[in-house]
PDB file of all heavy atoms in Angstrom:
ATOM      1  N   ILE A   1       8.761  -3.268  -4.176  1.00  0.00           N
ATOM      2  CA  ILE A   1       7.637  -3.825  -3.392  1.00  0.00           C
ATOM      3  C   ILE A   1       7.960  -5.323  -3.094  1.00  0.00           C
ATOM      4  O   ILE A   1       8.291  -6.051  -3.975  1.00  0.00           O
ATOM      5  CB  ILE A   1       6.380  -3.730  -4.206  1.00  0.00           C
ATOM      6  CG1 ILE A   1       6.123  -2.353  -4.638  1.00  0.00           C
ATOM      7  CG2 ILE A   1       5.181  -4.297  -3.393  1.00  0.00           C
ATOM      8  CD1 ILE A   1       5.050  -2.144  -5.751  1.00  0.00           C
ATOM      9  N   LYS A   2       7.837  -5.602  -1.783  1.00  0.00           N
ATOM     10  CA  LYS A   2       8.080  -6.975  -1.391  1.00  0.00           C
ATOM     11  C   LYS A   2       7.183  -7.862  -2.068  1.00  0.00           C
ATOM     12  O   LYS A   2       5.921  -7.621  -2.244  1.00  0.00           O
ATOM     13  CB  LYS A   2       8.065  -7.144   0.076  1.00  0.00           C
ATOM     14  CG  LYS A   2       9.189  -6.367   0.911  1.00  0.00           C
ATOM     15  CD  LYS A   2       9.030  -6.498   2.364  1.00  0.00           C
ATOM     16  CE  LYS A   2      10.092  -5.721   3.043  1.00  0.00           C
ATOM     17  NZ  LYS A   2       9.814  -5.717   4.507  1.00  0.00           N
ATOM     18  N   GLU A   3       7.576  -9.094  -2.362  1.00  0.00           N
ATOM     19  CA  GLU A   3       6.768 -10.181  -3.009  1.00  0.00           C
ATOM     20  C   GLU A   3       5.392 -10.410  -2.263  1.00  0.00           C
ATOM     21  O   GLU A   3       4.437 -10.470  -2.968  1.00  0.00           O
ATOM     22  CB  GLU A   3       7.537 -11.460  -3.181  1.00  0.00           C
ATOM     23  CG  GLU A   3       6.722 -12.329  -4.082  1.00  0.00           C
ATOM     24  CD  GLU A   3       7.583 -13.644  -4.452  1.00  0.00           C
ATOM     25  OE1 GLU A   3       8.842 -13.640  -4.248  1.00  0.00           O
ATOM     26  OE2 GLU A   3       7.006 -14.716  -4.860  1.00  0.00           O
ATOM     27  N   GLU A   4       5.512 -10.413  -0.932  1.00  0.00           N
ATOM     28  CA  GLU A   4       4.285 -10.686  -0.204  1.00  0.00           C
ATOM     29  C   GLU A   4       3.295  -9.548  -0.228  1.00  0.00           C
ATOM     30  O   GLU A   4       2.026  -9.736   0.024  1.00  0.00           O
ATOM     31  CB  GLU A   4       4.532 -11.072   1.181  1.00  0.00           C
ATOM     32  CG  GLU A   4       5.223  -9.967   2.065  1.00  0.00           C
ATOM     33  CD  GLU A   4       6.691  -9.984   2.101  1.00  0.00           C
ATOM     34  OE1 GLU A   4       7.419 -10.658   1.259  1.00  0.00           O
ATOM     35  OE2 GLU A   4       7.330  -9.382   2.969  1.00  0.00           O
ATOM     36  N   ASN A   5       3.779  -8.417  -0.755  1.00  0.00           N
ATOM     37  CA  ASN A   5       2.809  -7.231  -0.842  1.00  0.00           C
ATOM     38  C   ASN A   5       2.256  -7.003  -2.195  1.00  0.00           C
ATOM     39  O   ASN A   5       1.327  -6.139  -2.382  1.00  0.00           O
ATOM     40  CB  ASN A   5       3.496  -5.976  -0.300  1.00  0.00           C
ATOM     41  CG  ASN A   5       3.715  -6.012   1.198  1.00  0.00           C
ATOM     42  OD1 ASN A   5       3.001  -6.653   1.863  1.00  0.00           O
ATOM     43  ND2 ASN A   5       4.696  -5.306   1.612  1.00  0.00           N
ATOM     44  N   LEU A   6       2.946  -7.635  -3.207  1.00  0.00           N
ATOM     45  CA  LEU A   6       2.486  -7.324  -4.626  1.00  0.00           C
ATOM     46  C   LEU A   6       0.966  -7.600  -4.904  1.00  0.00           C
ATOM     47  O   LEU A   6       0.328  -6.880  -5.578  1.00  0.00           O
ATOM     48  CB  LEU A   6       3.375  -8.150  -5.623  1.00  0.00           C
ATOM     49  CG  LEU A   6       4.676  -7.640  -6.014  1.00  0.00           C
ATOM     50  CD1 LEU A   6       5.425  -8.691  -6.877  1.00  0.00           C
ATOM     51  CD2 LEU A   6       4.541  -6.279  -6.650  1.00  0.00           C
ATOM     52  N   GLY A   7       0.388  -8.642  -4.221  1.00  0.00           N
ATOM     53  CA  GLY A   7      -0.976  -8.993  -4.432  1.00  0.00           C
ATOM     54  C   GLY A   7      -1.893  -8.047  -3.803  1.00  0.00           C
ATOM     55  O   GLY A   7      -3.123  -8.022  -3.952  1.00  0.00           O
ATOM     56  N   LYS A   8      -1.370  -7.138  -2.769  1.00  0.00           N
ATOM     57  CA  LYS A   8      -2.218  -6.249  -2.018  1.00  0.00           C
ATOM     58  C   LYS A   8      -2.188  -4.811  -2.547  1.00  0.00           C
ATOM     59  O   LYS A   8      -2.977  -4.002  -1.994  1.00  0.00           O
ATOM     60  CB  LYS A   8      -1.796  -6.370  -0.571  1.00  0.00           C
ATOM     61  CG  LYS A   8      -1.817  -7.662  -0.020  1.00  0.00           C
ATOM     62  CD  LYS A   8      -1.251  -7.529   1.548  1.00  0.00           C
ATOM     63  CE  LYS A   8      -0.509  -8.788   1.881  1.00  0.00           C
ATOM     64  NZ  LYS A   8       0.171  -8.541   3.118  1.00  0.00           N
ATOM     65  N   ILE A   9      -1.276  -4.427  -3.306  1.00  0.00           N
ATOM     66  CA  ILE A   9      -1.041  -2.971  -3.653  1.00  0.00           C
ATOM     67  C   ILE A   9      -2.218  -2.229  -4.233  1.00  0.00           C
ATOM     68  O   ILE A   9      -2.332  -1.067  -4.103  1.00  0.00           O
ATOM     69  CB  ILE A   9       0.254  -2.750  -4.448  1.00  0.00           C
ATOM     70  CG1 ILE A   9       0.184  -3.404  -5.871  1.00  0.00           C
ATOM     71  CG2 ILE A   9       1.473  -3.215  -3.719  1.00  0.00           C
ATOM     72  CD1 ILE A   9       1.151  -2.943  -6.823  1.00  0.00           C
ATOM     73  N   PHE A  10      -3.131  -3.103  -4.893  1.00  0.00           N
ATOM     74  CA  PHE A  10      -4.284  -2.349  -5.424  1.00  0.00           C
ATOM     75  C   PHE A  10      -5.519  -2.380  -4.564  1.00  0.00           C
ATOM     76  O   PHE A  10      -6.558  -1.959  -4.868  1.00  0.00           O
ATOM     77  CB  PHE A  10      -4.606  -2.997  -6.806  1.00  0.00           C
ATOM     78  CG  PHE A  10      -3.570  -2.861  -7.873  1.00  0.00           C
ATOM     79  CD1 PHE A  10      -3.050  -3.992  -8.402  1.00  0.00           C
ATOM     80  CD2 PHE A  10      -3.174  -1.593  -8.200  1.00  0.00           C
ATOM     81  CE1 PHE A  10      -2.025  -3.803  -9.390  1.00  0.00           C
ATOM     82  CE2 PHE A  10      -2.218  -1.505  -9.181  1.00  0.00           C
ATOM     83  CZ  PHE A  10      -1.566  -2.626  -9.804  1.00  0.00           C
ATOM     84  N   ASP A  11      -5.288  -2.925  -3.282  1.00  0.00           N
ATOM     85  CA  ASP A  11      -6.383  -3.003  -2.346  1.00  0.00           C
ATOM     86  C   ASP A  11      -6.568  -1.559  -1.729  1.00  0.00           C
ATOM     87  O   ASP A  11      -5.553  -0.947  -1.368  1.00  0.00           O
ATOM     88  CB  ASP A  11      -6.096  -3.970  -1.165  1.00  0.00           C
ATOM     89  CG  ASP A  11      -6.143  -5.418  -1.704  1.00  0.00           C
ATOM     90  OD1 ASP A  11      -6.573  -5.667  -2.789  1.00  0.00           O
ATOM     91  OD2 ASP A  11      -5.646  -6.298  -0.898  1.00  0.00           O
ATOM     92  N   PRO A  12      -7.759  -1.199  -1.544  1.00  0.00           N
ATOM     93  CA  PRO A  12      -8.000   0.121  -0.903  1.00  0.00           C
ATOM     94  C   PRO A  12      -7.338   0.201   0.563  1.00  0.00           C
ATOM     95  O   PRO A  12      -7.415  -0.794   1.300  1.00  0.00           O
ATOM     96  CB  PRO A  12      -9.508   0.231  -0.730  1.00  0.00           C
ATOM     97  CG  PRO A  12     -10.093  -0.752  -1.686  1.00  0.00           C
ATOM     98  CD  PRO A  12      -9.071  -1.816  -1.878  1.00  0.00           C
ATOM     99  N   PHE A  13      -6.710   1.249   0.877  1.00  0.00           N
ATOM    100  CA  PHE A  13      -6.158   1.537   2.211  1.00  0.00           C
ATOM    101  C   PHE A  13      -4.837   0.733   2.391  1.00  0.00           C
ATOM    102  O   PHE A  13      -4.306   0.850   3.490  1.00  0.00           O
ATOM    103  CB  PHE A  13      -7.123   1.489   3.292  1.00  0.00           C
ATOM    104  CG  PHE A  13      -8.339   2.277   3.136  1.00  0.00           C
ATOM    105  CD1 PHE A  13      -9.534   1.716   2.820  1.00  0.00           C
ATOM    106  CD2 PHE A  13      -8.225   3.643   3.148  1.00  0.00           C
ATOM    107  CE1 PHE A  13     -10.704   2.450   2.630  1.00  0.00           C
ATOM    108  CE2 PHE A  13      -9.348   4.466   3.006  1.00  0.00           C
ATOM    109  CZ  PHE A  13     -10.608   3.825   2.705  1.00  0.00           C
ATOM    110  N   PHE A  14      -4.323  -0.092   1.441  1.00  0.00           N
ATOM    111  CA  PHE A  14      -3.135  -0.736   1.725  1.00  0.00           C
ATOM    112  C   PHE A  14      -2.018   0.175   1.397  1.00  0.00           C
ATOM    113  O   PHE A  14      -1.888   0.726   0.259  1.00  0.00           O
ATOM    114  CB  PHE A  14      -2.975  -2.090   0.881  1.00  0.00           C
ATOM    115  CG  PHE A  14      -1.676  -2.763   1.113  1.00  0.00           C
ATOM    116  CD1 PHE A  14      -1.411  -3.563   2.164  1.00  0.00           C
ATOM    117  CD2 PHE A  14      -0.574  -2.543   0.163  1.00  0.00           C
ATOM    118  CE1 PHE A  14      -0.188  -4.128   2.447  1.00  0.00           C
ATOM    119  CE2 PHE A  14       0.587  -3.129   0.454  1.00  0.00           C
ATOM    120  CZ  PHE A  14       0.801  -3.937   1.548  1.00  0.00           C
ATOM    121  N   THR A  15      -1.039   0.255   2.226  1.00  0.00           N
ATOM    122  CA  THR A  15       0.195   1.153   1.957  1.00  0.00           C
ATOM    123  C   THR A  15       1.330   0.528   2.634  1.00  0.00           C
ATOM    124  O   THR A  15       1.295  -0.078   3.753  1.00  0.00           O
ATOM    125  CB  THR A  15      -0.032   2.591   2.478  1.00  0.00           C
ATOM    126  OG1 THR A  15       1.068   3.382   2.028  1.00  0.00           O
ATOM    127  CG2 THR A  15      -0.268   2.698   3.989  1.00  0.00           C
ATOM    128  N   THR A  16       2.432   0.796   2.059  1.00  0.00           N
ATOM    129  CA  THR A  16       3.856   0.393   2.675  1.00  0.00           C
ATOM    130  C   THR A  16       4.505   1.662   3.284  1.00  0.00           C
ATOM    131  O   THR A  16       5.565   1.527   3.739  1.00  0.00           O
ATOM    132  CB  THR A  16       4.674  -0.265   1.682  1.00  0.00           C
ATOM    133  OG1 THR A  16       4.932   0.643   0.513  1.00  0.00           O
ATOM    134  CG2 THR A  16       4.022  -1.623   1.094  1.00  0.00           C
ATOM    135  N   LYS A  17       3.886   2.787   3.011  1.00  0.00           N
ATOM    136  CA  LYS A  17       4.455   4.034   3.564  1.00  0.00           C
ATOM    137  C   LYS A  17       4.215   4.136   5.064  1.00  0.00           C
ATOM    138  O   LYS A  17       3.379   3.562   5.621  1.00  0.00           O
ATOM    139  CB  LYS A  17       3.859   5.305   2.764  1.00  0.00           C
ATOM    140  CG  LYS A  17       4.271   5.282   1.387  1.00  0.00           C
ATOM    141  CD  LYS A  17       3.596   6.383   0.571  1.00  0.00           C
ATOM    142  CE  LYS A  17       3.882   6.495  -0.831  1.00  0.00           C
ATOM    143  NZ  LYS A  17       3.333   7.591  -1.593  1.00  0.00           N
ATOM    144  N   GLU A  18       5.020   5.038   5.659  1.00  0.00           N
ATOM    145  CA  GLU A  18       4.945   5.292   7.132  1.00  0.00           C
ATOM    146  C   GLU A  18       3.538   6.021   7.384  1.00  0.00           C
ATOM    147  O   GLU A  18       2.991   6.662   6.432  1.00  0.00           O
ATOM    148  CB  GLU A  18       6.019   6.197   7.516  1.00  0.00           C
ATOM    149  CG  GLU A  18       7.467   5.604   7.379  1.00  0.00           C
ATOM    150  CD  GLU A  18       7.695   4.460   8.246  1.00  0.00           C
ATOM    151  OE1 GLU A  18       7.263   4.515   9.442  1.00  0.00           O
ATOM    152  OE2 GLU A  18       8.319   3.510   7.774  1.00  0.00           O
ATOM    153  N   ILE A  19       3.152   5.974   8.604  1.00  0.00           N
ATOM    154  CA  ILE A  19       1.878   6.544   9.045  1.00  0.00           C
ATOM    155  C   ILE A  19       2.071   8.142   8.680  1.00  0.00           C
ATOM    156  O   ILE A  19       3.046   8.730   9.023  1.00  0.00           O
ATOM    157  CB  ILE A  19       1.628   6.279  10.527  1.00  0.00           C
ATOM    158  CG1 ILE A  19       1.321   4.850  10.686  1.00  0.00           C
ATOM    159  CG2 ILE A  19       0.452   7.252  10.996  1.00  0.00           C
ATOM    160  CD1 ILE A  19       1.198   4.362  12.214  1.00  0.00           C
ATOM    161  N   GLY A  20       1.038   8.600   8.049  1.00  0.00           N
ATOM    162  CA  GLY A  20       1.053  10.050   7.761  1.00  0.00           C
ATOM    163  C   GLY A  20       1.596  10.392   6.451  1.00  0.00           C
ATOM    164  O   GLY A  20       1.504  11.520   6.032  1.00  0.00           O
ATOM    165  N   GLU A  21       2.135   9.389   5.686  1.00  0.00           N
ATOM    166  CA  GLU A  21       2.767   9.617   4.435  1.00  0.00           C
ATOM    167  C   GLU A  21       1.850   9.135   3.275  1.00  0.00           C
ATOM    168  O   GLU A  21       2.193   9.525   2.137  1.00  0.00           O
ATOM    169  CB  GLU A  21       4.176   8.969   4.387  1.00  0.00           C
ATOM    170  CG  GLU A  21       5.194   9.482   5.243  1.00  0.00           C
ATOM    171  CD  GLU A  21       6.558   8.918   5.036  1.00  0.00           C
ATOM    172  OE1 GLU A  21       6.817   8.258   3.937  1.00  0.00           O
ATOM    173  OE2 GLU A  21       7.434   9.032   5.908  1.00  0.00           O
ATOM    174  N   GLY A  22       0.946   8.315   3.514  1.00  0.00           N
ATOM    175  CA  GLY A  22       0.064   7.821   2.387  1.00  0.00           C
ATOM    176  C   GLY A  22      -1.141   7.199   2.971  1.00  0.00           C
ATOM    177  O   GLY A  22      -1.233   6.777   4.095  1.00  0.00           O
ATOM    178  N   THR A  23      -2.204   7.310   2.115  1.00  0.00           N
ATOM    179  CA  THR A  23      -3.438   6.809   2.543  1.00  0.00           C
ATOM    180  C   THR A  23      -3.719   5.368   2.016  1.00  0.00           C
ATOM    181  O   THR A  23      -4.625   4.717   2.461  1.00  0.00           O
ATOM    182  CB  THR A  23      -4.625   7.724   1.964  1.00  0.00           C
ATOM    183  OG1 THR A  23      -4.582   7.665   0.519  1.00  0.00           O
ATOM    184  CG2 THR A  23      -4.496   9.159   2.532  1.00  0.00           C
ATOM    185  N   GLY A  24      -2.950   4.937   1.035  1.00  0.00           N
ATOM    186  CA  GLY A  24      -3.246   3.659   0.431  1.00  0.00           C
ATOM    187  C   GLY A  24      -4.320   3.639  -0.572  1.00  0.00           C
ATOM    188  O   GLY A  24      -4.924   2.571  -0.781  1.00  0.00           O
ATOM    189  N   LEU A  25      -4.649   4.832  -1.056  1.00  0.00           N
ATOM    190  CA  LEU A  25      -5.754   4.852  -2.010  1.00  0.00           C
ATOM    191  C   LEU A  25      -5.272   5.145  -3.456  1.00  0.00           C
ATOM    192  O   LEU A  25      -6.065   4.776  -4.391  1.00  0.00           O
ATOM    193  CB  LEU A  25      -6.680   6.064  -1.658  1.00  0.00           C
ATOM    194  CG  LEU A  25      -7.552   5.720  -0.439  1.00  0.00           C
ATOM    195  CD1 LEU A  25      -8.366   7.056   0.033  1.00  0.00           C
ATOM    196  CD2 LEU A  25      -8.426   4.553  -0.677  1.00  0.00           C
ATOM    197  N   GLY A  26      -4.117   5.622  -3.640  1.00  0.00           N
ATOM    198  CA  GLY A  26      -3.673   6.071  -5.042  1.00  0.00           C
ATOM    199  C   GLY A  26      -3.648   4.913  -6.020  1.00  0.00           C
ATOM    200  O   GLY A  26      -4.202   5.057  -7.064  1.00  0.00           O
ATOM    201  N   LEU A  27      -3.006   3.784  -5.656  1.00  0.00           N
ATOM    202  CA  LEU A  27      -2.973   2.570  -6.575  1.00  0.00           C
ATOM    203  C   LEU A  27      -4.377   2.000  -6.820  1.00  0.00           C
ATOM    204  O   LEU A  27      -4.755   1.558  -7.848  1.00  0.00           O
ATOM    205  CB  LEU A  27      -1.965   1.617  -6.238  1.00  0.00           C
ATOM    206  CG  LEU A  27      -0.519   2.128  -6.395  1.00  0.00           C
ATOM    207  CD1 LEU A  27       0.509   1.064  -5.862  1.00  0.00           C
ATOM    208  CD2 LEU A  27      -0.195   2.479  -7.745  1.00  0.00           C
TER     209      LEU A  27
END
């Protein structure tokens, strides 16, 4: 996980996955 994204990974709907691969809700 890139440093600039570490603070966002627990935010609802934030994902680093491609479109269709993740909703950004799991974490």
